[in-house]
N, C-alpha and C. Protein backbone atom coordinates (compact mmCIF):
# COMPACT_ATOMS: atom_id res chain seq x y z
N UNK A 1 47.45 8.31 33.70
CA UNK A 1 47.30 7.09 32.67
C UNK A 1 45.87 6.87 32.32
N UNK A 2 44.71 6.82 33.46
CA UNK A 2 43.54 6.34 33.16
C UNK A 2 42.97 7.12 32.37
N UNK A 3 43.29 8.31 32.33
CA UNK A 3 42.28 9.69 31.83
C UNK A 3 42.96 9.23 30.19
N UNK A 4 44.17 8.18 29.85
CA UNK A 4 44.46 8.87 28.14
C UNK A 4 43.63 7.47 27.95
N UNK A 5 43.52 6.43 28.74
CA UNK A 5 42.52 5.08 28.30
C UNK A 5 41.44 5.41 28.23
N UNK A 6 40.87 6.02 29.15
CA UNK A 6 39.33 6.49 28.96
C UNK A 6 39.17 7.47 27.36
N UNK A 7 39.94 8.38 27.37
CA UNK A 7 39.66 9.58 25.94
C UNK A 7 39.90 8.18 25.01
N UNK A 8 40.77 7.26 24.85
CA UNK A 8 40.87 5.97 23.47
C UNK A 8 39.45 5.36 23.60
N UNK A 9 39.09 4.75 24.42
CA UNK A 9 37.55 4.17 24.79
C UNK A 9 36.67 4.97 24.20
N UNK A 10 36.53 6.48 24.07
CA UNK A 10 35.67 7.19 23.86
C UNK A 10 35.99 7.47 22.39
N UNK A 11 36.77 7.55 22.42
CA UNK A 11 37.10 7.95 20.61
C UNK A 11 36.84 6.50 19.47
N UNK A 12 37.19 5.46 20.19
CA UNK A 12 36.80 4.06 19.29
C UNK A 12 35.44 3.94 19.62
N UNK A 13 34.88 4.27 20.43
CA UNK A 13 33.25 3.83 20.62
C UNK A 13 32.71 4.61 19.95
N UNK A 14 32.98 6.41 19.95
CA UNK A 14 32.29 7.17 18.92
C UNK A 14 32.71 6.81 17.40
N UNK A 15 33.70 5.98 17.01
CA UNK A 15 34.15 5.81 16.32
C UNK A 15 33.31 4.30 15.44
N UNK A 16 32.83 3.75 16.38
CA UNK A 16 31.89 2.55 15.97
C UNK A 16 30.64 2.76 16.09
N UNK A 17 30.36 3.73 16.79
CA UNK A 17 28.95 4.37 16.34
C UNK A 17 28.57 5.02 15.28
N UNK A 18 29.87 5.89 14.84
CA UNK A 18 29.49 6.37 13.68
C UNK A 18 29.65 5.65 12.19
N UNK A 19 30.19 4.30 12.49
CA UNK A 19 30.18 2.92 11.39
C UNK A 19 29.05 2.60 11.23
N UNK A 20 28.28 2.33 12.62
CA UNK A 20 27.18 1.55 12.64
C UNK A 20 25.95 2.23 11.75
N UNK A 21 26.35 3.53 12.11
CA UNK A 21 25.04 4.38 11.20
C UNK A 21 25.17 4.69 10.07
N UNK A 22 26.49 4.49 9.81
CA UNK A 22 26.76 5.14 8.12
C UNK A 22 26.31 3.56 7.55
N UNK A 23 26.62 2.04 7.96
CA UNK A 23 26.31 1.23 7.38
C UNK A 23 24.82 0.79 7.19
N UNK A 24 23.99 1.58 8.76
CA UNK A 24 22.42 1.52 8.43
C UNK A 24 21.84 2.72 7.65
N UNK A 25 22.27 3.64 7.06
CA UNK A 25 21.92 4.61 6.21
C UNK A 25 22.20 4.18 5.09
N UNK A 26 23.31 3.60 4.85
CA UNK A 26 23.67 3.04 3.26
C UNK A 26 23.22 2.22 2.51
N UNK A 27 22.33 1.52 3.04
CA UNK A 27 21.33 0.64 2.23
C UNK A 27 20.18 1.52 1.21
N UNK A 28 20.21 1.25 0.34
CA UNK A 28 19.83 1.84 -0.50
C UNK A 28 18.14 1.05 -0.77
N UNK A 29 17.67 1.81 -1.65
CA UNK A 29 15.78 1.14 -1.78
C UNK A 29 15.98 -0.28 -2.59
N UNK A 30 16.86 -0.24 -3.64
CA UNK A 30 17.35 -1.35 -4.40
C UNK A 30 17.60 -2.39 -3.12
N UNK A 31 18.62 -2.39 -2.41
CA UNK A 31 18.66 -3.50 -1.64
C UNK A 31 17.73 -3.79 -0.73
N UNK A 32 16.85 -3.26 -0.09
CA UNK A 32 15.57 -3.31 0.43
C UNK A 32 14.75 -4.25 -0.32
N UNK A 33 14.29 -3.63 -1.66
CA UNK A 33 13.70 -4.42 -3.12
C UNK A 33 14.41 -5.86 -2.81
N UNK A 34 15.65 -6.47 -3.25
CA UNK A 34 15.99 -7.35 -3.39
C UNK A 34 15.94 -8.42 -1.91
N UNK A 35 16.07 -7.57 -0.85
CA UNK A 35 15.74 -8.54 0.40
C UNK A 35 14.13 -9.04 0.48
N UNK A 36 13.63 -7.66 0.12
CA UNK A 36 12.39 -8.36 -0.01
C UNK A 36 11.58 -9.20 -0.87
N UNK A 37 12.08 -9.03 -2.16
CA UNK A 37 11.43 -9.95 -3.16
C UNK A 37 12.10 -11.55 -2.85
N UNK A 38 13.48 -11.41 -2.33
CA UNK A 38 13.96 -13.03 -2.32
C UNK A 38 13.07 -13.27 -1.04
N UNK A 39 12.73 -12.78 0.07
CA UNK A 39 11.95 -13.06 1.14
C UNK A 39 10.52 -13.88 0.72
N UNK A 40 10.13 -13.15 -0.43
CA UNK A 40 9.09 -13.35 -0.67
C UNK A 40 8.77 -14.76 -1.78
N UNK A 41 9.70 -14.91 -2.21
CA UNK A 41 9.93 -16.26 -3.60
C UNK A 41 10.30 -17.52 -2.21
N UNK A 42 10.98 -17.19 -1.37
CA UNK A 42 11.40 -18.22 -0.63
C UNK A 42 9.87 -18.82 0.49
N UNK A 43 9.05 -17.83 0.18
CA UNK A 43 7.73 -18.11 1.11
C UNK A 43 6.93 -18.63 0.27
N UNK A 44 7.07 -18.07 -1.22
CA UNK A 44 6.07 -18.97 -2.80
C UNK A 44 6.86 -20.50 -2.60
N UNK A 45 7.98 -21.00 -2.47
CA UNK A 45 8.53 -22.07 -2.78
C UNK A 45 8.00 -22.64 -1.51
N UNK A 46 8.21 -22.41 -0.15
CA UNK A 46 7.68 -23.29 1.03
C UNK A 46 6.12 -23.37 0.94
N UNK A 47 5.19 -22.55 0.15
CA UNK A 47 3.99 -22.84 0.42
C UNK A 47 3.52 -23.71 -0.54
N UNK A 48 4.33 -24.29 -1.46
CA UNK A 48 3.52 -25.82 -2.08
C UNK A 48 4.31 -26.91 -1.54
N UNK A 49 4.73 -27.05 -0.18
CA UNK A 49 5.16 -28.20 0.36
C UNK A 49 4.13 -28.42 1.55
N UNK A 50 3.22 -27.41 1.79
CA UNK A 50 1.72 -27.51 2.79
C UNK A 50 0.96 -28.60 2.03
N UNK A 51 0.23 -29.20 3.26
CA UNK A 51 -0.93 -29.85 3.15
C UNK A 51 -1.84 -29.54 1.67
N UNK A 52 -2.59 -29.90 1.36
CA UNK A 52 -3.31 -29.74 0.22
C UNK A 52 -4.30 -28.73 0.37
N UNK A 53 -5.02 -28.94 0.98
CA UNK A 53 -6.17 -28.24 1.44
C UNK A 53 -5.65 -27.05 2.06
N UNK A 54 -4.61 -26.80 3.08
CA UNK A 54 -4.08 -25.57 3.54
C UNK A 54 -3.89 -24.93 1.87
N UNK A 55 -3.05 -25.61 1.63
CA UNK A 55 -2.13 -24.83 0.15
C UNK A 55 -3.75 -24.06 -0.29
N UNK A 56 -4.24 -24.95 -0.90
CA UNK A 56 -5.88 -24.53 -1.33
C UNK A 56 -6.49 -23.14 -0.82
N UNK A 57 -6.66 -23.15 0.48
CA UNK A 57 -6.95 -21.95 1.25
C UNK A 57 -5.96 -20.91 1.19
N UNK A 58 -4.69 -21.07 1.27
CA UNK A 58 -3.52 -20.14 0.98
C UNK A 58 -3.87 -19.10 -0.75
N UNK A 59 -3.81 -20.20 -1.66
CA UNK A 59 -4.18 -19.50 -2.95
C UNK A 59 -5.52 -18.80 -3.34
N UNK A 60 -6.30 -19.62 -2.60
CA UNK A 60 -7.68 -18.77 -2.89
C UNK A 60 -8.28 -17.38 -2.32
N UNK A 61 -7.31 -17.08 -1.13
CA UNK A 61 -7.34 -15.63 -0.48
C UNK A 61 -6.47 -14.56 -1.06
N UNK A 62 -5.67 -15.08 -1.96
CA UNK A 62 -5.14 -14.25 -3.25
C UNK A 62 -5.56 -13.98 -4.07
N UNK A 63 -6.83 -14.79 -4.07
CA UNK A 63 -7.64 -14.41 -5.45
C UNK A 63 -8.46 -12.73 -5.43
N UNK A 64 -8.50 -12.01 -4.51
CA UNK A 64 -9.22 -11.08 -4.21
C UNK A 64 -8.57 -9.85 -5.04
N UNK A 65 -7.16 -9.59 -5.00
CA UNK A 65 -6.25 -8.78 -5.13
C UNK A 65 -6.12 -7.75 -6.46
N UNK A 66 -6.68 -8.34 -7.75
CA UNK A 66 -6.36 -8.33 -8.88
C UNK A 66 -7.57 -8.17 -9.92
N UNK A 67 -7.44 -7.04 -10.67
CA UNK A 67 -8.68 -6.89 -11.61
C UNK A 67 -8.59 -8.18 -12.47
N UNK A 68 -10.16 -8.94 -12.67
CA UNK A 68 -10.16 -9.76 -13.76
C UNK A 68 -9.73 -9.63 -15.33
N UNK A 69 -9.53 -10.25 -16.10
CA UNK A 69 -9.35 -9.88 -17.59
C UNK A 69 -10.82 -9.63 -18.18
N UNK A 70 -11.80 -10.11 -17.74
CA UNK A 70 -12.87 -9.58 -18.01
C UNK A 70 -13.34 -8.13 -17.69
N UNK A 71 -12.78 -7.59 -16.49
CA UNK A 71 -13.39 -6.22 -15.96
C UNK A 71 -12.08 -5.45 -16.91
N UNK A 72 -11.12 -6.04 -17.70
CA UNK A 72 -10.16 -4.81 -18.82
C UNK A 72 -10.50 -5.41 -20.53
N UNK A 73 -12.01 -5.97 -20.60
CA UNK A 73 -12.25 -6.08 -22.06
C UNK A 73 -12.33 -4.68 -22.58
N UNK A 74 -11.61 -4.37 -23.95
CA UNK A 74 -12.22 -3.10 -24.34
C UNK A 74 -13.59 -2.90 -25.11
N UNK A 75 -14.47 -1.90 -25.39
CA UNK A 75 -15.32 -1.48 -25.25
C UNK A 75 -16.91 -2.46 -24.77
N UNK A 76 -16.47 -2.40 -23.29
CA UNK A 76 -17.08 -3.23 -22.55
C UNK A 76 -17.87 -2.08 -21.47
N UNK A 77 -19.38 -1.23 -21.85
CA UNK A 77 -19.69 -0.32 -21.04
C UNK A 77 -20.30 -0.69 -20.15
N UNK A 78 -20.25 -0.64 -18.81
CA UNK A 78 -20.82 -1.22 -17.71
C UNK A 78 -22.50 -0.74 -17.54
N UNK A 79 -22.77 0.33 -17.79
CA UNK A 79 -23.98 1.08 -17.61
C UNK A 79 -24.13 1.50 -19.14
N UNK A 80 -25.12 1.54 -19.76
CA UNK A 80 -25.17 1.99 -21.51
C UNK A 80 -26.60 2.75 -21.17
N UNK A 81 -27.35 3.19 -20.08
CA UNK A 81 -28.25 4.38 -20.07
C UNK A 81 -27.44 5.49 -19.61
N UNK A 82 -28.15 6.31 -20.47
CA UNK A 82 -27.34 7.94 -20.35
C UNK A 82 -27.35 8.59 -18.85
N UNK A 83 -26.58 9.05 -18.61
CA UNK A 83 -26.91 9.99 -17.30
C UNK A 83 -26.61 9.25 -15.99
N UNK A 84 -26.38 8.08 -16.18
CA UNK A 84 -26.45 6.70 -14.92
C UNK A 84 -24.98 6.72 -14.51
N UNK A 85 -24.28 6.60 -13.53
CA UNK A 85 -22.95 6.53 -13.16
C UNK A 85 -22.49 5.12 -13.34
N UNK A 86 -21.69 4.51 -13.69
CA UNK A 86 -20.46 3.34 -13.89
C UNK A 86 -21.36 2.01 -12.88
N UNK A 87 -21.43 2.81 -11.13
CA UNK A 87 -21.72 2.11 -10.17
C UNK A 87 -22.94 1.78 -9.93
N UNK A 88 -23.66 2.57 -10.52
CA UNK A 88 -25.15 2.51 -10.12
C UNK A 88 -26.19 2.65 -11.14
N UNK A 89 -26.30 1.47 -11.32
CA UNK A 89 -27.16 1.84 -13.15
C UNK A 89 -28.46 1.05 -13.07
N UNK A 90 -29.08 1.46 -11.90
CA UNK A 90 -30.55 0.93 -11.68
C UNK A 90 -31.21 2.17 -12.28
N UNK A 91 -32.56 2.15 -12.59
CA UNK A 91 -33.42 3.12 -12.68
C UNK A 91 -34.13 3.83 -11.60
N UNK A 92 -34.33 5.01 -11.69
CA UNK A 92 -34.97 5.55 -10.76
C UNK A 92 -34.07 5.70 -9.42
N UNK A 93 -32.66 5.56 -9.37
CA UNK A 93 -32.49 5.57 -8.03
C UNK A 93 -30.83 6.93 -8.46
N UNK A 94 -30.81 7.76 -7.64
CA UNK A 94 -29.68 8.28 -7.47
C UNK A 94 -28.15 8.00 -7.12
N UNK A 95 -27.48 8.06 -7.56
CA UNK A 95 -26.10 7.21 -7.29
C UNK A 95 -25.37 8.10 -5.90
N UNK A 96 -25.45 9.68 -6.25
CA UNK A 96 -24.86 10.24 -5.12
C UNK A 96 -25.99 11.09 -4.44
N UNK A 97 -26.56 11.30 -4.14
CA UNK A 97 -27.63 12.53 -3.76
C UNK A 97 -27.13 13.76 -3.18
N UNK A 98 -27.06 14.76 -3.73
CA UNK A 98 -26.67 15.85 -2.94
C UNK A 98 -27.33 16.18 -1.49
N UNK A 99 -26.57 16.51 -0.39
CA UNK A 99 -27.17 16.17 1.40
C UNK A 99 -26.09 17.65 1.70
N UNK A 100 -25.73 18.21 1.06
CA UNK A 100 -24.74 19.23 1.70
C UNK A 100 -25.57 20.37 2.05
N UNK A 101 -25.37 20.95 3.41
CA UNK A 101 -26.10 21.54 4.09
C UNK A 101 -25.90 23.15 3.60
N UNK A 102 -26.40 24.19 3.86
CA UNK A 102 -26.20 25.10 3.73
C UNK A 102 -25.63 26.23 4.64
N UNK A 103 -24.16 26.56 4.48
CA UNK A 103 -23.12 27.59 4.98
C UNK A 103 -22.85 28.44 4.64
N UNK A 104 -22.13 28.91 5.33
CA UNK A 104 -21.82 30.26 4.37
C UNK A 104 -20.24 30.11 3.97
N UNK A 105 -19.71 28.85 4.26
CA UNK A 105 -18.66 28.46 3.90
C UNK A 105 -18.70 27.79 2.25
N UNK A 106 -20.28 27.24 2.19
CA UNK A 106 -20.82 26.78 1.22
C UNK A 106 -21.11 27.72 -0.07
N UNK A 107 -21.20 29.01 0.40
CA UNK A 107 -21.85 30.09 -0.54
C UNK A 107 -23.26 29.65 -0.76
N UNK A 108 -24.10 29.60 0.24
CA UNK A 108 -25.68 29.13 -0.37
C UNK A 108 -25.98 30.67 -0.65
N UNK A 109 -27.16 30.58 -1.49
CA UNK A 109 -27.69 31.27 -1.73
C UNK A 109 -28.37 32.58 -1.09
N UNK A 110 -28.54 31.70 0.44
CA UNK A 110 -29.06 32.89 1.35
C UNK A 110 -28.24 33.48 1.91
N UNK A 111 -26.52 32.89 1.77
CA UNK A 111 -25.43 33.82 2.53
C UNK A 111 -24.94 34.89 1.98
N UNK A 112 -25.50 34.38 0.84
CA UNK A 112 -24.62 35.82 -0.14
C UNK A 112 -25.46 37.06 -0.26
N UNK A 113 -25.03 38.25 -0.64
CA UNK A 113 -25.38 39.21 -0.49
C UNK A 113 -25.24 40.20 -1.80
């Protein structure tokens, strides 16, 4: 009798484990997105309940994540000098100087026959 009850418990345990595994893998990305979105909204709502100085600091920290509208203006050329890169508009300086050494893999002149 003990043998049949242990087999029954083993079957119930295996069935429970497969149900847990199925439930864990059945969550879609949409479900995860909804859960994270709702969590973010609750956080934003409770943020306004904080002290005003802490609230300003928290809002100020978020300022650096996005591009400003001034950066997105149309027909705005960051550097109008010919041949200069956009991020280095100073004269007589090279933005990315060529510093690669000569080796067989770079196929320099002295290694080619």
